[in-house]
Protein backbone atom coordinates (compact mmCIF):
# COMPACT_ATOMS: atom_id res chain seq x y z
CA UNK A 1 153.78 85.80 111.20
CA UNK A 2 154.62 83.90 108.02
CA UNK A 3 157.58 85.43 106.29
CA UNK A 4 156.29 85.62 102.72
CA UNK A 5 153.80 88.40 103.39
CA UNK A 6 153.73 91.75 105.18
CA UNK A 7 153.33 91.13 108.89
CA UNK A 8 152.79 93.58 111.75
CA UNK A 9 155.70 93.32 114.20
CA UNK A 10 153.97 93.95 117.51
CA UNK A 11 155.88 94.45 120.71
CA UNK A 12 154.34 93.31 124.00
CA UNK A 13 151.77 95.79 125.22
CA UNK A 14 152.55 96.75 128.84
CA UNK A 15 149.64 98.06 130.86
CA UNK A 16 150.78 101.17 132.79
CA UNK A 17 150.04 101.03 136.52
CA UNK A 18 148.09 103.74 138.27
CA UNK A 19 148.47 104.40 142.01
CA UNK A 20 151.50 102.14 142.06
CA UNK A 21 152.15 103.12 145.64
CA UNK A 22 149.22 101.07 146.94
CA UNK A 23 150.06 98.05 144.82
CA UNK A 24 146.87 98.01 142.72
CA UNK A 25 146.93 97.01 139.08
CA UNK A 26 146.72 99.91 136.66
CA UNK A 27 144.54 100.45 133.60
CA UNK A 28 145.01 102.29 130.32
CA UNK A 29 144.45 106.03 130.66
CA UNK A 30 142.63 107.14 127.47
CA UNK A 31 143.77 110.77 127.93
CA UNK A 32 147.53 110.19 128.11
CA UNK A 33 149.86 110.24 125.12
CA UNK A 34 150.51 106.73 123.93
CA UNK A 35 153.32 105.23 121.92
CA UNK A 36 151.96 102.83 119.30
CA UNK A 37 152.27 99.24 120.44
CA UNK A 38 153.40 98.04 117.02
CA UNK A 39 156.14 98.92 114.60
CA UNK A 40 156.33 98.34 110.82
CA UNK A 41 157.60 94.93 109.82
CA UNK A 42 161.26 94.49 109.04
CA UNK A 43 162.32 93.42 105.58
CA UNK A 44 161.68 89.75 104.98
CA UNK A 45 165.32 88.79 104.80
CA UNK A 46 165.98 90.48 108.14
CA UNK A 47 163.36 88.50 110.07
CA UNK A 48 164.51 85.57 112.18
CA UNK A 49 162.71 82.23 112.19
CA UNK A 50 160.28 81.62 115.06
CA UNK A 51 162.70 79.21 116.74
CA UNK A 52 165.49 81.79 116.96
CA UNK A 53 163.39 84.68 118.24
CA UNK A 54 163.92 86.00 121.73
CA UNK A 55 161.07 85.86 124.27
CA UNK A 56 158.96 89.01 124.43
CA UNK A 57 160.28 90.42 121.17
CA UNK A 58 156.83 90.48 119.59
CA UNK A 59 155.63 88.40 116.71
CA UNK A 60 158.00 86.04 115.00
CA UNK A 61 157.73 84.35 111.64
CA UNK A 62 158.35 80.86 110.35
CA UNK A 63 160.25 80.85 107.09
CA UNK A 64 158.81 78.91 104.16
CA UNK A 65 160.20 78.22 100.75
CA UNK A 66 158.40 79.84 97.84
CA UNK A 67 157.08 76.43 96.74
CA UNK A 68 155.75 75.44 100.16
CA UNK A 69 152.16 75.97 101.25
CA UNK A 70 151.61 77.96 104.44
CA UNK A 71 150.19 75.62 107.11
CA UNK A 72 146.98 76.90 108.69
CA UNK A 73 148.45 75.95 112.10
CA UNK A 74 151.07 78.69 111.65
CA UNK A 75 148.34 81.23 111.00
CA UNK A 76 146.67 80.20 114.28
CA UNK A 77 150.02 80.47 116.10
CA UNK A 78 150.58 83.96 114.73
CA UNK A 79 147.14 85.08 115.92
CA UNK A 80 148.03 83.78 119.38
CA UNK A 81 151.43 85.50 119.31
CA UNK A 82 149.67 88.73 118.33
CA UNK A 83 147.39 88.51 121.36
CA UNK A 84 150.34 87.72 123.61
CA UNK A 85 152.35 90.63 122.24
CA UNK A 86 149.44 93.02 122.69
CA UNK A 87 148.58 91.75 126.15
CA UNK A 88 144.90 91.65 125.26
CA UNK A 89 142.28 91.33 127.97
CA UNK A 90 140.51 88.07 128.76
CA UNK A 91 137.31 89.03 126.96
CA UNK A 92 139.16 89.76 123.70
CA UNK A 93 141.13 86.52 124.06
CA UNK A 94 137.92 84.53 124.47
CA UNK A 95 136.28 86.21 121.47
CA UNK A 96 139.24 85.60 119.16
CA UNK A 97 139.63 82.05 120.51
CA UNK A 98 135.97 81.41 119.60
CA UNK A 99 136.62 82.44 115.98
CA UNK A 100 139.82 80.40 115.82
CA UNK A 101 137.89 77.45 117.25
CA UNK A 102 135.44 77.72 114.35
CA UNK A 103 138.42 77.72 111.96
CA UNK A 104 139.84 74.63 113.71
CA UNK A 105 136.59 72.69 113.29
CA UNK A 106 136.25 73.72 109.66
CA UNK A 107 139.90 72.86 108.87
CA UNK A 108 139.40 69.35 110.26
CA UNK A 109 136.73 68.51 107.68
CA UNK A 110 137.49 66.42 104.61
CA UNK A 111 136.66 69.42 102.42
CA UNK A 112 137.03 72.66 104.41
CA UNK A 113 134.92 75.61 103.29
CA UNK A 114 137.72 77.99 102.38
CA UNK A 115 135.47 81.06 102.04
CA UNK A 116 134.05 80.48 105.50
CA UNK A 117 137.54 80.13 107.02
CA UNK A 118 138.73 83.34 105.33
CA UNK A 119 135.73 85.33 106.56
CA UNK A 120 136.16 84.00 110.11
CA UNK A 121 139.86 84.97 110.13
CA UNK A 122 138.91 88.46 108.95
CA UNK A 123 136.39 88.72 111.79
CA UNK A 124 139.07 87.69 114.30
CA UNK A 125 141.42 90.30 112.83
CA UNK A 126 138.76 92.97 113.19
CA UNK A 127 138.40 92.11 116.89
CA UNK A 128 142.13 92.60 117.46
CA UNK A 129 142.15 95.86 115.51
CA UNK A 130 139.32 97.13 117.70
CA UNK A 131 141.41 96.33 120.77
CA UNK A 132 144.45 98.14 119.31
CA UNK A 133 142.32 101.15 118.37
CA UNK A 134 140.93 101.37 121.90
CA UNK A 135 144.39 101.12 123.45
CA UNK A 136 146.03 103.66 121.12
CA UNK A 137 143.09 106.03 120.84
CA UNK A 138 143.19 105.96 117.05
CA UNK A 139 141.86 103.68 114.28
CA UNK A 140 143.84 100.54 113.47
CA UNK A 141 143.86 98.24 110.45
CA UNK A 142 147.23 96.62 111.05
CA UNK A 143 145.91 93.10 111.71
CA UNK A 144 143.29 93.35 108.95
CA UNK A 145 145.96 94.34 106.44
CA UNK A 146 148.10 91.39 107.50
CA UNK A 147 145.19 88.96 107.11
CA UNK A 148 144.16 90.45 103.74
CA UNK A 149 147.71 90.01 102.46
CA UNK A 150 148.01 86.55 103.98
CA UNK A 151 144.81 85.28 102.37
CA UNK A 152 146.27 86.08 98.95
CA UNK A 153 148.99 83.47 99.60
CA UNK A 154 148.91 79.71 99.04
CA UNK A 155 147.54 78.34 102.34
CA UNK A 156 146.88 74.72 103.22
CA UNK A 157 143.37 75.00 104.71
CA UNK A 158 143.23 71.29 105.55
CA UNK A 159 144.77 70.95 109.01
CA UNK A 160 144.58 69.05 112.28
CA UNK A 161 144.66 71.75 114.94
CA UNK A 162 144.64 70.65 118.56
CA UNK A 163 142.21 72.51 120.84
CA UNK A 164 145.07 73.73 123.05
CA UNK A 165 146.63 75.50 120.04
CA UNK A 166 143.70 77.90 120.01
CA UNK A 167 144.63 79.57 123.32
CA UNK A 168 147.54 82.02 123.34
CA UNK A 169 150.54 81.42 125.62
CA UNK A 170 150.79 83.68 128.65
CA UNK A 171 152.75 86.85 128.07
CA UNK A 172 155.69 87.73 130.27
CA UNK A 173 153.66 90.33 132.16
CA UNK A 174 151.05 87.68 132.96
CA UNK A 175 153.53 85.28 134.64
CA UNK A 176 154.14 85.43 138.42
CA UNK A 177 156.81 88.00 139.36
CA UNK A 178 159.49 87.30 141.94
CA UNK A 179 157.60 89.49 144.40
CA UNK A 180 154.50 87.40 143.83
CA UNK A 181 156.30 84.09 144.52
CA UNK A 182 156.39 83.01 148.14
CA UNK A 183 160.06 82.05 148.45
CA UNK A 184 160.10 82.56 152.20
CA UNK A 185 157.22 80.89 154.04
CA UNK A 186 157.80 83.15 157.00
CA UNK A 187 157.06 86.36 155.10
CA UNK A 188 153.93 87.81 153.57
CA UNK A 189 154.98 89.36 150.24
CA UNK A 190 152.79 92.04 148.69
CA UNK A 191 150.81 90.52 145.83
CA UNK A 192 149.38 92.79 143.13
CA UNK A 193 145.73 91.79 142.65
CA UNK A 194 144.68 91.13 139.06
CA UNK A 195 141.78 92.94 137.39
CA UNK A 196 138.53 91.17 138.20
CA UNK A 197 137.24 89.55 134.99
CA UNK A 198 133.61 89.16 134.15
CA UNK A 199 131.90 86.11 135.51
CA UNK A 200 133.04 83.23 133.25
CA UNK A 201 129.53 82.14 132.40
CA UNK A 202 128.49 85.70 131.49
CA UNK A 203 131.60 86.58 129.48
CA UNK A 204 131.66 83.19 127.71
CA UNK A 205 127.99 83.34 126.78
CA UNK A 206 128.36 86.85 125.34
CA UNK A 207 131.37 85.82 123.28
CA UNK A 208 129.56 82.74 122.03
CA UNK A 209 126.51 84.81 121.16
CA UNK A 210 128.56 87.30 119.13
CA UNK A 211 130.32 84.44 117.38
CA UNK A 212 127.02 82.83 116.37
CA UNK A 213 125.69 86.12 114.98
CA UNK A 214 128.88 86.84 113.01
CA UNK A 215 128.90 83.28 111.67
CA UNK A 216 125.28 83.66 110.59
CA UNK A 217 126.16 86.86 108.73
CA UNK A 218 129.04 85.10 107.02
CA UNK A 219 126.78 82.25 105.92
CA UNK A 220 124.20 84.81 104.76
CA UNK A 221 126.82 86.38 102.51
CA UNK A 222 127.54 82.93 101.09
CA UNK A 223 123.78 82.42 100.49
CA UNK A 224 123.74 79.47 102.89
CA UNK A 225 120.48 80.63 104.43
CA UNK A 226 119.47 77.38 106.13
CA UNK A 227 122.78 77.08 107.98
CA UNK A 228 122.65 80.78 108.91
CA UNK A 229 119.16 80.32 110.36
CA UNK A 230 120.40 77.39 112.44
CA UNK A 231 123.11 79.60 113.95
CA UNK A 232 120.54 82.25 114.88
CA UNK A 233 118.28 79.63 116.45
CA UNK A 234 121.26 78.59 118.58
CA UNK A 235 121.76 82.24 119.53
CA UNK A 236 118.11 82.50 120.61
CA UNK A 237 118.52 79.35 122.67
CA UNK A 238 121.45 81.02 124.45
CA UNK A 239 119.30 84.07 125.21
CA UNK A 240 116.52 82.10 126.85
CA UNK A 241 115.83 83.19 130.44
CA UNK A 242 118.48 85.92 130.21
CA UNK A 243 116.02 88.82 129.98
CA UNK A 244 117.78 90.51 127.05
CA UNK A 245 114.89 91.61 124.80
CA UNK A 246 117.10 94.06 122.90
CA UNK A 247 119.47 91.24 121.87
CA UNK A 248 116.57 88.94 121.08
CA UNK A 249 115.10 91.65 118.85
CA UNK A 250 118.40 92.01 117.02
CA UNK A 251 118.66 88.26 116.41
CA UNK A 252 115.02 87.95 115.31
CA UNK A 253 115.42 90.92 112.94
CA UNK A 254 118.50 89.39 111.29
CA UNK A 255 116.68 86.08 111.12
CA UNK A 256 113.78 87.73 109.28
CA UNK A 257 116.13 89.18 106.68
CA UNK A 258 117.88 85.85 106.12
CA UNK A 259 114.62 83.90 105.87
CA UNK A 260 113.24 86.44 103.39
CA UNK A 261 116.36 86.14 101.24
CA UNK A 262 115.97 82.37 101.43
CA UNK A 263 112.45 82.59 99.99
CA UNK A 264 110.56 81.76 103.20
CA UNK A 265 108.55 84.93 103.48
CA UNK A 266 105.97 83.66 106.01
CA UNK A 267 108.68 82.54 108.42
CA UNK A 268 110.42 85.86 107.76
CA UNK A 269 107.20 87.69 108.60
CA UNK A 270 106.97 85.83 111.92
CA UNK A 271 110.61 86.69 112.67
CA UNK A 272 110.00 90.41 112.05
CA UNK A 273 106.92 90.29 114.26
CA UNK A 274 108.95 88.63 117.01
CA UNK A 275 111.64 91.30 116.61
CA UNK A 276 109.06 94.08 116.92
CA UNK A 277 107.67 92.44 120.06
CA UNK A 278 111.13 92.24 121.71
CA UNK A 279 112.01 95.83 120.80
CA UNK A 280 108.69 96.96 122.29
CA UNK A 281 109.58 95.16 125.53
CA UNK A 282 113.00 96.82 125.49
CA UNK A 283 111.33 100.22 124.91
CA UNK A 284 113.22 100.84 121.66
CA UNK A 285 110.54 102.45 119.45
CA UNK A 286 112.84 103.25 116.54
CA UNK A 287 113.97 99.63 116.19
CA UNK A 288 110.41 98.45 116.71
CA UNK A 289 109.39 100.71 113.83
CA UNK A 290 112.01 99.20 111.51
CA UNK A 291 110.87 95.65 112.33
CA UNK A 292 107.20 96.48 111.74
CA UNK A 293 108.04 98.30 108.50
CA UNK A 294 109.84 95.18 107.24
CA UNK A 295 106.83 93.03 108.19
CA UNK A 296 104.39 95.43 106.50
CA UNK A 297 106.49 95.53 103.33
CA UNK A 298 106.46 91.72 103.15
CA UNK A 299 102.69 91.65 103.59
CA UNK A 300 102.22 94.30 100.91
CA UNK A 301 104.43 92.40 98.45
CA UNK A 302 102.32 89.26 98.98
CA UNK A 303 98.94 90.96 98.65
CA UNK A 304 97.87 91.03 102.31
CA UNK A 305 97.09 94.74 102.11
CA UNK A 306 94.77 95.22 105.08
CA UNK A 307 97.21 93.68 107.54
CA UNK A 308 100.04 95.62 105.92
CA UNK A 309 98.07 98.85 106.36
CA UNK A 310 97.58 98.09 110.05
CA UNK A 311 101.33 97.63 110.52
CA UNK A 312 102.12 100.81 108.56
CA UNK A 313 99.75 102.70 110.87
CA UNK A 314 101.76 101.44 113.85
CA UNK A 315 104.98 102.47 112.10
CA UNK A 316 103.69 106.01 111.56
CA UNK A 317 102.67 106.27 115.22
CA UNK A 318 106.13 105.11 116.36
CA UNK A 319 107.92 107.49 113.97
CA UNK A 320 105.83 110.38 115.27
CA UNK A 321 106.88 109.33 118.78
CA UNK A 322 110.60 109.28 117.97
CA UNK A 323 110.38 112.68 116.28
CA UNK A 324 112.46 111.88 113.17
CA UNK A 325 110.69 113.78 110.34
CA UNK A 326 112.65 112.15 107.51
CA UNK A 327 111.79 108.65 108.70
CA UNK A 328 108.21 109.79 109.22
CA UNK A 329 108.04 110.99 105.60
CA UNK A 330 108.89 107.52 104.35
CA UNK A 331 106.36 105.80 106.62
CA UNK A 332 103.61 108.28 105.67
CA UNK A 333 104.28 107.57 102.00
CA UNK A 334 104.16 103.81 102.64
CA UNK A 335 100.86 104.10 104.50
CA UNK A 336 99.34 106.41 101.87
CA UNK A 337 100.37 104.10 99.06
CA UNK A 338 98.90 100.94 100.61
CA UNK A 339 95.74 102.81 101.68
CA UNK A 340 95.30 103.78 98.04
CA UNK A 341 95.70 100.13 97.01
CA UNK A 342 93.00 99.07 99.47
CA UNK A 343 90.62 101.71 98.06
CA UNK A 344 90.67 103.90 101.18
CA UNK A 345 91.17 107.17 99.29
CA UNK A 346 90.20 109.33 102.27
CA UNK A 347 93.00 107.92 104.43
CA UNK A 348 95.38 108.02 101.47
CA UNK A 349 94.76 111.72 100.83
CA UNK A 350 94.96 112.68 104.50
CA UNK A 351 98.20 110.75 104.98
CA UNK A 352 99.90 111.94 101.78
CA UNK A 353 98.86 115.57 102.29
CA UNK A 354 100.51 115.40 105.71
CA UNK A 355 103.65 114.11 104.03
CA UNK A 356 103.48 116.84 101.38
CA UNK A 357 103.33 119.47 104.12
CA UNK A 358 106.46 118.02 105.72
CA UNK A 359 108.23 118.33 102.36
CA UNK A 360 108.01 122.10 102.71
CA UNK A 361 110.30 122.11 105.76
CA UNK A 362 112.46 118.99 105.38
CA UNK A 363 115.48 118.61 103.13
CA UNK A 364 114.54 115.31 101.54
CA UNK A 365 115.86 113.78 98.32
CA UNK A 366 114.00 114.78 95.10
CA UNK A 367 113.37 111.10 94.34
CA UNK A 368 111.40 110.63 97.58
CA UNK A 369 109.57 113.91 96.98
CA UNK A 370 108.59 112.75 93.52
CA UNK A 371 107.18 109.47 94.87
CA UNK A 372 105.07 111.23 97.52
CA UNK A 373 103.72 113.73 95.01
CA UNK A 374 102.92 111.00 92.47
CA UNK A 375 101.01 108.99 95.08
CA UNK A 376 99.08 112.06 96.21
CA UNK A 377 98.23 112.90 92.58
CA UNK A 378 96.93 109.35 92.08
CA UNK A 379 94.74 109.74 95.20
CA UNK A 380 93.31 113.04 93.89
CA UNK A 381 92.67 111.39 90.54
CA UNK A 382 90.78 108.54 92.25
CA UNK A 383 88.32 111.12 93.61
CA UNK A 384 88.13 112.83 90.18
CA UNK A 385 89.75 115.97 91.57
CA UNK A 386 91.47 116.49 88.24
CA UNK A 387 92.75 120.02 88.83
CA UNK A 388 94.75 119.07 91.92
CA UNK A 389 95.76 115.76 90.38
CA UNK A 390 97.26 117.44 87.28
CA UNK A 391 99.02 120.09 89.36
CA UNK A 392 100.51 117.49 91.72
CA UNK A 393 101.65 115.21 88.86
CA UNK A 394 103.43 118.19 87.32
CA UNK A 395 105.19 118.84 90.65
CA UNK A 396 106.22 115.18 90.69
CA UNK A 397 107.67 115.48 87.17
CA UNK A 398 109.63 118.57 88.20
CA UNK A 399 111.25 116.86 91.20
CA UNK A 400 111.94 113.70 89.14
CA UNK A 401 113.80 115.90 86.66
CA UNK A 402 115.77 117.44 89.56
CA UNK A 403 116.66 113.94 90.68
CA UNK A 404 117.79 113.15 87.10
CA UNK A 405 115.66 110.04 87.34
CA UNK A 406 114.49 109.21 83.83
CA UNK A 407 112.46 106.18 84.93
CA UNK A 408 110.41 108.20 87.41
CA UNK A 409 110.00 111.02 84.90
CA UNK A 410 108.70 108.74 82.11
CA UNK A 411 106.34 106.94 84.50
CA UNK A 412 104.93 110.25 85.75
CA UNK A 413 104.53 111.56 82.20
CA UNK A 414 102.61 108.43 81.20
CA UNK A 415 100.26 108.90 84.15
CA UNK A 416 99.80 112.56 83.29
CA UNK A 417 99.00 111.82 79.64
CA UNK A 418 96.38 109.28 80.74
CA UNK A 419 94.97 111.78 83.23
CA UNK A 420 94.62 114.46 80.54
CA UNK A 421 92.54 112.01 78.47
CA UNK A 422 90.38 111.20 81.49
CA UNK A 423 89.96 114.93 82.26
CA UNK A 424 88.88 115.58 78.63
CA UNK A 425 91.96 117.66 77.75
CA UNK A 426 93.00 116.06 74.43
CA UNK A 427 95.45 118.79 73.40
CA UNK A 428 97.45 118.49 76.64
CA UNK A 429 97.30 114.71 76.33
CA UNK A 430 98.78 114.96 72.83
CA UNK A 431 101.62 117.18 74.07
CA UNK A 432 102.44 114.70 76.81
CA UNK A 433 102.45 111.82 74.33
CA UNK A 434 104.72 113.74 71.96
CA UNK A 435 107.11 114.38 74.83
CA UNK A 436 107.08 110.66 75.65
CA UNK A 437 107.87 109.84 72.01
CA UNK A 438 110.84 112.24 72.08
CA UNK A 439 112.19 110.57 75.22
CA UNK A 440 111.79 107.13 73.67
């Protein structure tokens, strides 16, 4: 690692062998006591330059003067040395190499997008920390902390990185051993078989898919919605004819969110509908419910209330199927609210009364309780059932006060004052107005 920042000094990770007597390659035993595969970095002045380091001693650092920019190539080399020192599996190598490949392409541009490169390096660091955590049986942030510290330094993000620099060199334990080398043609030495990797096309496609999704999320954070959508379209192209409806649903759902943020609500609506369809095929009712709820919310915001109501009805049915009462409370409130907007007071009252009954047994936040009660009170008021409407508005004010939500409380008090006038109770209306004046 570069010598001007804190760097994790990681010794090569040796996989312990199980059943060594039969010559088969061993795997990590998650139940055994492990010694951490990394040690704290030495002081900067004690570190040797990369050229003088001994093979297999872990990560080494190139020394730079305090006025010299850190070349991005050295950052790539240090990532590769980290993977070599850890002895990461092929899948992890491919995933990190994919992220470093994205960095290589970006660094070769006339004006590299520095924010994009930083985020991609952080994603690669997270992948390595996940590997370390799995191997040690405890959380790891050692690579993330190195990258966070490194990105505070003066780095030259414009670089020509050769494709072969992206792949890590083979660790010592990956090279042929003397027993594996046929020095005597007349003998048959015992060769330890390597772990069977995933099929290259399967493993590579999965890594590429994850990379596209993570890149889309990065671009989303940078508000580059068009470019993010292009990455997700590429991910969907990869998933064609692979029969992975759960993954397709995930990609379509993320696509809907990005398109909505980019101001293309109709395309976002289609994406959410596609996500719901894929989750239905994958028999994932909870995720299907989330996708339909997002679609219904979009429709409600843009005035298509009848279609929104139909989707909310499907959401309620799915939430009843999954048996999550808290989620069901939210969907019942959504359906009751939009039913009230469409003028279907009968459905609104039935739905919101069902939600109010659930409030008696579920520990839900006072803010949500207040919303449900306010909607139910409005439905009672629509049918001129003033007694129940007043009582329910007062319950809503009480729970809004418990939530310490002044906005909800003032809104409810305004509705109650108006209701008192409508119910021909001028004295109570005056008290409510006086209370509003005090709050103002």
